[in-house]
N, C-alpha and C. Protein backbone atom coordinates (compact mmCIF):
# COMPACT_ATOMS: atom_id res chain seq x y z
N MET A 1 6.31 -3.38 7.98
CA MET A 1 5.37 -3.04 6.93
C MET A 1 3.95 -3.19 7.47
N LYS A 2 3.08 -2.26 7.11
CA LYS A 2 1.68 -2.30 7.53
C LYS A 2 0.82 -2.81 6.38
N ASN A 3 -0.25 -3.46 6.73
CA ASN A 3 -1.19 -3.98 5.74
C ASN A 3 -2.46 -3.15 5.75
N LEU A 4 -3.00 -2.92 4.58
CA LEU A 4 -4.30 -2.29 4.43
C LEU A 4 -5.22 -3.34 3.81
N TRP A 5 -6.18 -3.81 4.58
CA TRP A 5 -7.04 -4.90 4.13
C TRP A 5 -8.23 -4.36 3.34
N SER A 6 -8.51 -4.98 2.21
CA SER A 6 -9.71 -4.66 1.44
C SER A 6 -10.30 -5.96 0.89
N PRO A 7 -10.89 -6.77 1.76
CA PRO A 7 -11.37 -8.09 1.35
C PRO A 7 -12.49 -8.07 0.31
N TRP A 8 -13.23 -6.99 0.21
CA TRP A 8 -14.30 -6.92 -0.77
C TRP A 8 -13.78 -6.93 -2.20
N ARG A 9 -12.50 -6.65 -2.41
CA ARG A 9 -11.92 -6.64 -3.75
C ARG A 9 -11.73 -8.06 -4.30
N MET A 10 -11.66 -9.07 -3.45
CA MET A 10 -11.39 -10.42 -3.90
C MET A 10 -12.46 -10.93 -4.85
N SER A 11 -13.71 -10.61 -4.60
CA SER A 11 -14.77 -11.07 -5.51
C SER A 11 -14.57 -10.50 -6.90
N TYR A 12 -14.11 -9.26 -6.99
CA TYR A 12 -13.82 -8.67 -8.30
C TYR A 12 -12.61 -9.34 -8.94
N ILE A 13 -11.56 -9.56 -8.18
CA ILE A 13 -10.35 -10.17 -8.71
C ILE A 13 -10.64 -11.56 -9.28
N LYS A 14 -11.46 -12.34 -8.58
CA LYS A 14 -11.76 -13.70 -9.00
C LYS A 14 -12.88 -13.79 -10.04
N SER A 15 -13.63 -12.72 -10.23
CA SER A 15 -14.77 -12.79 -11.14
C SER A 15 -14.32 -12.83 -12.59
N PRO A 16 -15.07 -13.56 -13.42
CA PRO A 16 -14.73 -13.59 -14.84
C PRO A 16 -14.96 -12.22 -15.45
N LYS A 17 -14.09 -11.81 -16.32
CA LYS A 17 -14.20 -10.51 -16.97
C LYS A 17 -14.78 -10.69 -18.36
N ASN A 18 -15.96 -10.16 -18.57
CA ASN A 18 -16.63 -10.27 -19.86
C ASN A 18 -16.81 -8.86 -20.41
N LYS A 19 -15.98 -8.48 -21.34
CA LYS A 19 -16.03 -7.14 -21.92
C LYS A 19 -17.30 -6.94 -22.75
N GLU A 20 -17.99 -8.03 -23.09
CA GLU A 20 -19.21 -7.94 -23.89
C GLU A 20 -20.41 -7.48 -23.06
N VAL A 21 -20.31 -7.62 -21.74
CA VAL A 21 -21.42 -7.27 -20.86
C VAL A 21 -21.16 -5.91 -20.22
N CYS A 22 -22.12 -5.03 -20.32
CA CYS A 22 -22.01 -3.71 -19.68
C CYS A 22 -22.47 -3.86 -18.23
N VAL A 23 -21.61 -3.51 -17.28
CA VAL A 23 -21.96 -3.67 -15.87
C VAL A 23 -23.14 -2.78 -15.48
N PHE A 24 -23.29 -1.63 -16.14
CA PHE A 24 -24.42 -0.75 -15.84
C PHE A 24 -25.73 -1.34 -16.36
N CYS A 25 -25.72 -1.85 -17.58
CA CYS A 25 -26.91 -2.48 -18.15
C CYS A 25 -27.28 -3.72 -17.35
N GLU A 26 -26.28 -4.44 -16.92
CA GLU A 26 -26.50 -5.65 -16.11
C GLU A 26 -27.16 -5.28 -14.77
N ALA A 27 -26.67 -4.24 -14.13
CA ALA A 27 -27.21 -3.82 -12.83
C ALA A 27 -28.66 -3.37 -12.95
N ILE A 28 -28.98 -2.60 -13.98
CA ILE A 28 -30.34 -2.08 -14.10
C ILE A 28 -31.32 -3.14 -14.59
N SER A 29 -30.82 -4.19 -15.22
CA SER A 29 -31.71 -5.25 -15.73
C SER A 29 -32.13 -6.23 -14.64
N GLN A 30 -31.44 -6.20 -13.52
CA GLN A 30 -31.74 -7.13 -12.43
C GLN A 30 -32.67 -6.50 -11.40
N ASP A 31 -33.33 -7.34 -10.63
CA ASP A 31 -34.25 -6.86 -9.60
C ASP A 31 -33.58 -6.63 -8.25
N GLU A 32 -32.38 -7.12 -8.08
CA GLU A 32 -31.68 -7.04 -6.79
C GLU A 32 -30.93 -5.71 -6.64
N ASP A 33 -31.67 -4.66 -6.31
CA ASP A 33 -31.04 -3.34 -6.19
C ASP A 33 -29.98 -3.30 -5.09
N SER A 34 -30.23 -3.93 -3.96
CA SER A 34 -29.27 -3.85 -2.86
C SER A 34 -27.96 -4.54 -3.19
N SER A 35 -28.00 -5.68 -3.85
CA SER A 35 -26.74 -6.37 -4.19
C SER A 35 -26.00 -5.67 -5.32
N ASN A 36 -26.70 -4.86 -6.11
CA ASN A 36 -26.07 -4.08 -7.17
C ASN A 36 -25.81 -2.64 -6.75
N PHE A 37 -26.20 -2.30 -5.52
CA PHE A 37 -26.03 -0.95 -4.96
C PHE A 37 -26.77 0.12 -5.76
N VAL A 38 -27.91 -0.25 -6.36
CA VAL A 38 -28.76 0.72 -7.06
C VAL A 38 -29.54 1.48 -5.99
N VAL A 39 -29.28 2.77 -5.89
CA VAL A 39 -29.89 3.61 -4.87
C VAL A 39 -31.30 4.03 -5.26
N HIS A 40 -31.48 4.38 -6.54
CA HIS A 40 -32.77 4.91 -6.99
C HIS A 40 -32.93 4.66 -8.48
N ARG A 41 -34.15 4.30 -8.88
CA ARG A 41 -34.51 4.15 -10.28
C ARG A 41 -35.51 5.24 -10.65
N ALA A 42 -35.18 6.02 -11.65
CA ALA A 42 -36.11 7.02 -12.18
C ALA A 42 -36.64 6.49 -13.51
N GLU A 43 -37.39 7.31 -14.21
CA GLU A 43 -38.00 6.85 -15.47
C GLU A 43 -36.96 6.50 -16.53
N ASN A 44 -35.92 7.33 -16.66
CA ASN A 44 -34.95 7.16 -17.75
C ASN A 44 -33.51 6.94 -17.29
N SER A 45 -33.29 6.95 -16.00
CA SER A 45 -31.92 6.83 -15.49
C SER A 45 -31.97 6.31 -14.05
N PHE A 46 -30.79 6.04 -13.50
CA PHE A 46 -30.72 5.51 -12.15
C PHE A 46 -29.47 5.99 -11.45
N VAL A 47 -29.48 5.85 -10.12
CA VAL A 47 -28.35 6.24 -9.27
C VAL A 47 -27.81 4.95 -8.65
N ILE A 48 -26.49 4.83 -8.66
CA ILE A 48 -25.83 3.63 -8.15
C ILE A 48 -24.57 4.04 -7.40
N LEU A 49 -24.21 3.27 -6.37
CA LEU A 49 -22.92 3.48 -5.71
C LEU A 49 -21.82 2.97 -6.62
N ASN A 50 -20.70 3.65 -6.63
CA ASN A 50 -19.53 3.18 -7.36
C ASN A 50 -18.89 2.05 -6.55
N ARG A 51 -18.71 0.89 -7.15
CA ARG A 51 -18.11 -0.26 -6.45
C ARG A 51 -16.63 -0.03 -6.10
N TYR A 52 -15.99 0.88 -6.80
CA TYR A 52 -14.57 1.18 -6.58
C TYR A 52 -14.43 2.69 -6.39
N PRO A 53 -14.93 3.18 -5.25
CA PRO A 53 -15.07 4.62 -5.03
C PRO A 53 -13.76 5.36 -4.83
N TYR A 54 -13.77 6.63 -5.22
CA TYR A 54 -12.66 7.53 -4.94
C TYR A 54 -12.73 8.00 -3.50
N SER A 55 -13.95 8.12 -2.99
CA SER A 55 -14.16 8.48 -1.59
C SER A 55 -15.46 7.83 -1.12
N ASN A 56 -15.66 7.80 0.18
CA ASN A 56 -16.87 7.22 0.75
C ASN A 56 -18.09 7.97 0.21
N GLY A 57 -19.08 7.22 -0.30
CA GLY A 57 -20.29 7.84 -0.81
C GLY A 57 -20.26 8.15 -2.29
N HIS A 58 -19.21 7.78 -3.00
CA HIS A 58 -19.08 8.05 -4.44
C HIS A 58 -20.23 7.37 -5.19
N MET A 59 -21.08 8.18 -5.82
CA MET A 59 -22.23 7.67 -6.56
C MET A 59 -22.12 8.06 -8.03
N MET A 60 -22.94 7.39 -8.85
CA MET A 60 -23.01 7.70 -10.27
C MET A 60 -24.46 7.78 -10.70
N VAL A 61 -24.72 8.65 -11.66
CA VAL A 61 -26.03 8.74 -12.30
C VAL A 61 -25.85 8.23 -13.72
N ILE A 62 -26.69 7.26 -14.11
CA ILE A 62 -26.48 6.54 -15.36
C ILE A 62 -27.80 6.49 -16.13
N PRO A 63 -27.78 6.79 -17.42
CA PRO A 63 -29.01 6.64 -18.20
C PRO A 63 -29.31 5.16 -18.41
N ASN A 64 -30.59 4.84 -18.51
CA ASN A 64 -30.98 3.46 -18.80
C ASN A 64 -30.51 3.05 -20.19
N SER A 65 -30.42 4.01 -21.10
CA SER A 65 -29.99 3.75 -22.47
C SER A 65 -28.48 3.57 -22.53
N HIS A 66 -28.04 2.57 -23.24
CA HIS A 66 -26.61 2.29 -23.41
C HIS A 66 -26.08 3.16 -24.55
N VAL A 67 -25.63 4.37 -24.19
CA VAL A 67 -25.07 5.32 -25.15
C VAL A 67 -23.74 5.84 -24.61
N SER A 68 -22.87 6.30 -25.51
CA SER A 68 -21.53 6.69 -25.08
C SER A 68 -21.37 8.18 -24.76
N GLY A 69 -22.33 9.00 -25.15
CA GLY A 69 -22.18 10.43 -24.90
C GLY A 69 -23.46 11.10 -24.48
N LEU A 70 -23.32 12.23 -23.81
CA LEU A 70 -24.50 12.99 -23.38
C LEU A 70 -25.32 13.47 -24.56
N ASN A 71 -24.64 13.77 -25.68
CA ASN A 71 -25.34 14.25 -26.87
C ASN A 71 -26.21 13.17 -27.51
N ASP A 72 -26.04 11.92 -27.08
CA ASP A 72 -26.87 10.82 -27.57
C ASP A 72 -28.18 10.70 -26.79
N LEU A 73 -28.33 11.50 -25.75
CA LEU A 73 -29.53 11.48 -24.91
C LEU A 73 -30.41 12.68 -25.23
N ASN A 74 -31.71 12.52 -25.11
CA ASN A 74 -32.58 13.68 -25.35
C ASN A 74 -32.59 14.59 -24.11
N LYS A 75 -33.12 15.79 -24.28
CA LYS A 75 -33.10 16.78 -23.21
C LYS A 75 -33.82 16.32 -21.94
N PRO A 76 -34.97 15.67 -22.04
CA PRO A 76 -35.62 15.21 -20.80
C PRO A 76 -34.76 14.21 -20.00
N VAL A 77 -34.04 13.34 -20.67
CA VAL A 77 -33.18 12.39 -19.97
C VAL A 77 -32.02 13.13 -19.31
N ARG A 78 -31.40 14.05 -20.04
CA ARG A 78 -30.30 14.82 -19.45
C ARG A 78 -30.79 15.64 -18.26
N ALA A 79 -31.98 16.21 -18.37
CA ALA A 79 -32.54 17.00 -17.26
C ALA A 79 -32.80 16.10 -16.05
N GLU A 80 -33.35 14.91 -16.28
CA GLU A 80 -33.60 13.97 -15.18
C GLU A 80 -32.28 13.59 -14.50
N MET A 81 -31.25 13.37 -15.29
CA MET A 81 -29.94 13.01 -14.73
C MET A 81 -29.39 14.15 -13.86
N MET A 82 -29.57 15.38 -14.29
CA MET A 82 -29.10 16.51 -13.48
C MET A 82 -29.88 16.62 -12.18
N GLU A 83 -31.17 16.36 -12.22
CA GLU A 83 -31.98 16.38 -10.99
C GLU A 83 -31.53 15.27 -10.05
N LEU A 84 -31.20 14.10 -10.60
CA LEU A 84 -30.70 13.01 -9.76
C LEU A 84 -29.32 13.34 -9.18
N MET A 85 -28.51 14.04 -9.95
CA MET A 85 -27.20 14.47 -9.43
C MET A 85 -27.42 15.42 -8.26
N ASN A 86 -28.36 16.33 -8.41
CA ASN A 86 -28.67 17.28 -7.34
C ASN A 86 -29.19 16.55 -6.10
N LYS A 87 -30.11 15.62 -6.28
CA LYS A 87 -30.65 14.84 -5.16
C LYS A 87 -29.53 14.04 -4.48
N SER A 88 -28.60 13.53 -5.27
CA SER A 88 -27.47 12.78 -4.72
C SER A 88 -26.60 13.66 -3.85
N THR A 89 -26.29 14.86 -4.31
CA THR A 89 -25.45 15.75 -3.50
C THR A 89 -26.16 16.14 -2.22
N GLU A 90 -27.46 16.40 -2.29
CA GLU A 90 -28.22 16.76 -1.08
C GLU A 90 -28.24 15.60 -0.08
N THR A 91 -28.40 14.38 -0.59
CA THR A 91 -28.41 13.20 0.28
C THR A 91 -27.05 13.03 0.96
N LEU A 92 -25.98 13.17 0.18
CA LEU A 92 -24.63 13.01 0.73
C LEU A 92 -24.29 14.12 1.72
N LYS A 93 -24.78 15.35 1.45
CA LYS A 93 -24.57 16.45 2.41
C LYS A 93 -25.19 16.11 3.76
N GLU A 94 -26.41 15.60 3.73
CA GLU A 94 -27.09 15.26 4.98
C GLU A 94 -26.39 14.12 5.71
N LEU A 95 -25.94 13.13 4.97
CA LEU A 95 -25.35 11.94 5.59
C LEU A 95 -23.92 12.15 6.06
N PHE A 96 -23.07 12.71 5.21
CA PHE A 96 -21.63 12.76 5.48
C PHE A 96 -21.06 14.15 5.73
N GLN A 97 -21.84 15.20 5.53
CA GLN A 97 -21.38 16.58 5.68
C GLN A 97 -20.05 16.85 4.95
N PRO A 98 -19.97 16.50 3.66
CA PRO A 98 -18.73 16.79 2.93
C PRO A 98 -18.53 18.30 2.81
N GLU A 99 -17.28 18.68 2.61
CA GLU A 99 -16.96 20.10 2.47
C GLU A 99 -16.98 20.55 1.02
N GLY A 100 -17.19 19.61 0.11
CA GLY A 100 -17.26 19.93 -1.31
C GLY A 100 -17.59 18.68 -2.10
N PHE A 101 -17.70 18.84 -3.40
CA PHE A 101 -17.98 17.73 -4.32
C PHE A 101 -17.19 17.89 -5.59
N ASN A 102 -16.80 16.77 -6.16
CA ASN A 102 -16.37 16.72 -7.55
C ASN A 102 -17.54 16.10 -8.31
N LEU A 103 -18.04 16.83 -9.29
CA LEU A 103 -19.12 16.34 -10.14
C LEU A 103 -18.57 16.30 -11.55
N GLY A 104 -18.77 15.18 -12.24
CA GLY A 104 -18.20 15.17 -13.58
C GLY A 104 -18.57 13.96 -14.40
N VAL A 105 -18.10 14.01 -15.63
CA VAL A 105 -18.31 12.94 -16.59
C VAL A 105 -17.04 12.79 -17.41
N ASN A 106 -16.60 11.55 -17.58
CA ASN A 106 -15.45 11.25 -18.43
C ASN A 106 -16.01 10.61 -19.70
N ILE A 107 -15.87 11.29 -20.82
CA ILE A 107 -16.41 10.77 -22.07
C ILE A 107 -15.25 10.25 -22.91
N GLY A 108 -15.21 8.95 -23.08
CA GLY A 108 -14.16 8.30 -23.86
C GLY A 108 -13.00 7.83 -22.99
N GLU A 109 -12.35 6.78 -23.46
CA GLU A 109 -11.23 6.18 -22.72
C GLU A 109 -10.09 7.17 -22.51
N ALA A 110 -9.82 8.00 -23.51
CA ALA A 110 -8.73 8.98 -23.40
C ALA A 110 -8.99 10.00 -22.30
N ALA A 111 -10.27 10.20 -21.96
CA ALA A 111 -10.64 11.14 -20.90
C ALA A 111 -10.71 10.46 -19.53
N GLY A 112 -10.39 9.18 -19.48
CA GLY A 112 -10.38 8.48 -18.21
C GLY A 112 -11.61 7.64 -17.93
N ALA A 113 -12.49 7.50 -18.90
CA ALA A 113 -13.70 6.69 -18.68
C ALA A 113 -13.33 5.22 -18.59
N GLY A 114 -13.62 4.61 -17.44
CA GLY A 114 -13.38 3.19 -17.27
C GLY A 114 -14.38 2.36 -18.04
N ILE A 115 -15.58 2.88 -18.19
CA ILE A 115 -16.63 2.25 -19.00
C ILE A 115 -17.06 3.31 -20.00
N GLY A 116 -16.34 3.36 -21.11
CA GLY A 116 -16.50 4.45 -22.06
C GLY A 116 -17.70 4.35 -22.96
N ASP A 117 -18.31 3.19 -23.06
CA ASP A 117 -19.42 3.06 -24.00
C ASP A 117 -20.80 3.24 -23.35
N HIS A 118 -20.85 3.53 -22.04
CA HIS A 118 -22.11 3.84 -21.36
C HIS A 118 -21.86 5.07 -20.49
N VAL A 119 -22.26 6.22 -20.99
CA VAL A 119 -21.99 7.49 -20.31
C VAL A 119 -22.58 7.48 -18.90
N HIS A 120 -21.89 8.14 -17.98
CA HIS A 120 -22.36 8.22 -16.60
C HIS A 120 -21.75 9.44 -15.92
N LEU A 121 -22.47 9.96 -14.94
CA LEU A 121 -22.04 11.14 -14.18
C LEU A 121 -21.54 10.67 -12.82
N HIS A 122 -20.47 11.29 -12.35
CA HIS A 122 -19.91 10.96 -11.04
C HIS A 122 -20.24 12.04 -10.02
N ILE A 123 -20.57 11.61 -8.81
CA ILE A 123 -20.75 12.49 -7.66
C ILE A 123 -19.78 11.99 -6.60
N VAL A 124 -18.73 12.78 -6.33
CA VAL A 124 -17.68 12.38 -5.40
C VAL A 124 -17.63 13.40 -4.26
N PRO A 125 -18.07 12.99 -3.06
CA PRO A 125 -17.95 13.90 -1.91
C PRO A 125 -16.49 14.09 -1.52
N ARG A 126 -16.15 15.32 -1.08
CA ARG A 126 -14.77 15.64 -0.74
C ARG A 126 -14.70 16.35 0.61
N TRP A 127 -13.57 16.14 1.28
CA TRP A 127 -13.28 16.78 2.55
C TRP A 127 -11.87 17.35 2.47
N LYS A 128 -11.61 18.44 3.17
CA LYS A 128 -10.26 18.99 3.22
C LYS A 128 -9.31 17.93 3.74
N GLY A 129 -8.22 17.72 3.06
CA GLY A 129 -7.22 16.76 3.49
C GLY A 129 -7.53 15.31 3.15
N ASP A 130 -8.59 15.06 2.34
CA ASP A 130 -8.92 13.67 2.04
C ASP A 130 -7.94 13.02 1.06
N THR A 131 -7.16 13.82 0.40
CA THR A 131 -6.08 13.28 -0.43
C THR A 131 -4.81 13.44 0.39
N ASN A 132 -4.46 12.40 1.11
CA ASN A 132 -3.32 12.47 2.01
C ASN A 132 -2.17 11.63 1.47
N PHE A 133 -1.25 11.28 2.32
CA PHE A 133 -0.07 10.54 1.88
C PHE A 133 -0.44 9.18 1.31
N MET A 134 -1.53 8.57 1.79
CA MET A 134 -1.91 7.25 1.27
C MET A 134 -2.19 7.33 -0.23
N THR A 135 -2.90 8.37 -0.64
CA THR A 135 -3.21 8.55 -2.06
C THR A 135 -2.00 9.08 -2.81
N SER A 136 -1.36 10.08 -2.24
CA SER A 136 -0.24 10.73 -2.94
C SER A 136 0.97 9.84 -3.09
N LEU A 137 1.37 9.14 -2.03
CA LEU A 137 2.58 8.33 -2.07
C LEU A 137 2.30 6.84 -2.27
N GLY A 138 1.25 6.36 -1.66
CA GLY A 138 0.96 4.93 -1.70
C GLY A 138 0.03 4.51 -2.82
N ASN A 139 -0.49 5.50 -3.58
CA ASN A 139 -1.44 5.21 -4.64
C ASN A 139 -2.58 4.32 -4.12
N THR A 140 -3.03 4.62 -2.89
CA THR A 140 -4.05 3.83 -2.21
C THR A 140 -5.08 4.77 -1.60
N ARG A 141 -6.34 4.44 -1.75
CA ARG A 141 -7.39 5.21 -1.10
C ARG A 141 -7.90 4.42 0.10
N VAL A 142 -8.23 5.15 1.14
CA VAL A 142 -8.78 4.52 2.33
C VAL A 142 -10.26 4.89 2.39
N ILE A 143 -11.12 3.88 2.29
CA ILE A 143 -12.57 4.08 2.37
C ILE A 143 -12.99 3.56 3.74
N PRO A 144 -13.50 4.44 4.61
CA PRO A 144 -13.71 4.07 6.01
C PRO A 144 -14.94 3.22 6.31
N GLU A 145 -15.73 2.91 5.28
CA GLU A 145 -16.99 2.23 5.55
C GLU A 145 -17.27 1.24 4.41
N SER A 146 -17.91 0.14 4.73
CA SER A 146 -18.25 -0.84 3.69
C SER A 146 -19.31 -0.26 2.75
N LEU A 147 -19.32 -0.74 1.52
CA LEU A 147 -20.34 -0.30 0.56
C LEU A 147 -21.74 -0.64 1.05
N GLU A 148 -21.87 -1.79 1.70
CA GLU A 148 -23.18 -2.21 2.21
C GLU A 148 -23.72 -1.22 3.24
N GLU A 149 -22.85 -0.76 4.14
CA GLU A 149 -23.28 0.19 5.17
C GLU A 149 -23.56 1.57 4.55
N THR A 150 -22.72 2.01 3.63
CA THR A 150 -22.97 3.28 2.95
C THR A 150 -24.30 3.21 2.21
N TYR A 151 -24.54 2.12 1.48
CA TYR A 151 -25.79 1.94 0.74
C TYR A 151 -26.99 2.00 1.68
N ARG A 152 -26.92 1.29 2.79
CA ARG A 152 -28.02 1.26 3.76
C ARG A 152 -28.36 2.67 4.24
N GLN A 153 -27.34 3.44 4.58
CA GLN A 153 -27.57 4.79 5.10
C GLN A 153 -28.12 5.73 4.02
N ILE A 154 -27.59 5.61 2.82
CA ILE A 154 -28.08 6.47 1.72
C ILE A 154 -29.54 6.15 1.42
N LYS A 155 -29.89 4.86 1.38
CA LYS A 155 -31.28 4.47 1.11
C LYS A 155 -32.23 5.00 2.19
N GLU A 156 -31.79 5.02 3.45
CA GLU A 156 -32.61 5.55 4.54
C GLU A 156 -32.97 7.02 4.31
N ILE A 157 -31.99 7.78 3.84
CA ILE A 157 -32.18 9.21 3.65
C ILE A 157 -32.89 9.51 2.34
N TRP A 158 -32.56 8.76 1.29
CA TRP A 158 -33.11 9.03 -0.05
C TRP A 158 -34.62 9.06 0.00
């Protein structure tokens, strides 16, 4: 049997789970952008690395306002979020040369939203063959780089 090590998950496993605290609101309220993986702060929204990425470089665009749907945001905030999504894809193209992207939003738990009460947009870089036997059979994703290193490189380019 082979082992796939992911030591960064232990801090999450051991951390207290408080459903009353929104992890996005918590991240934006703190000054420590690097420890929270906040890539960029705009006037009404921010870009953050996903701590549990589907692929290397998986980022999210999140409004500063704690709302559950896009329709709860005004047009300028939605427009800013789309511009940040575009900037994110351009940054990831330069850094990782992905062959495509999945861009999306899951609204509500039934739609797959892990944090359903604070709407957010996903930017997931994709490569041909990135869903291989590990994902298909082992229900495991292989992320080839630490979040800290990915964050450092994205910040350099941003």
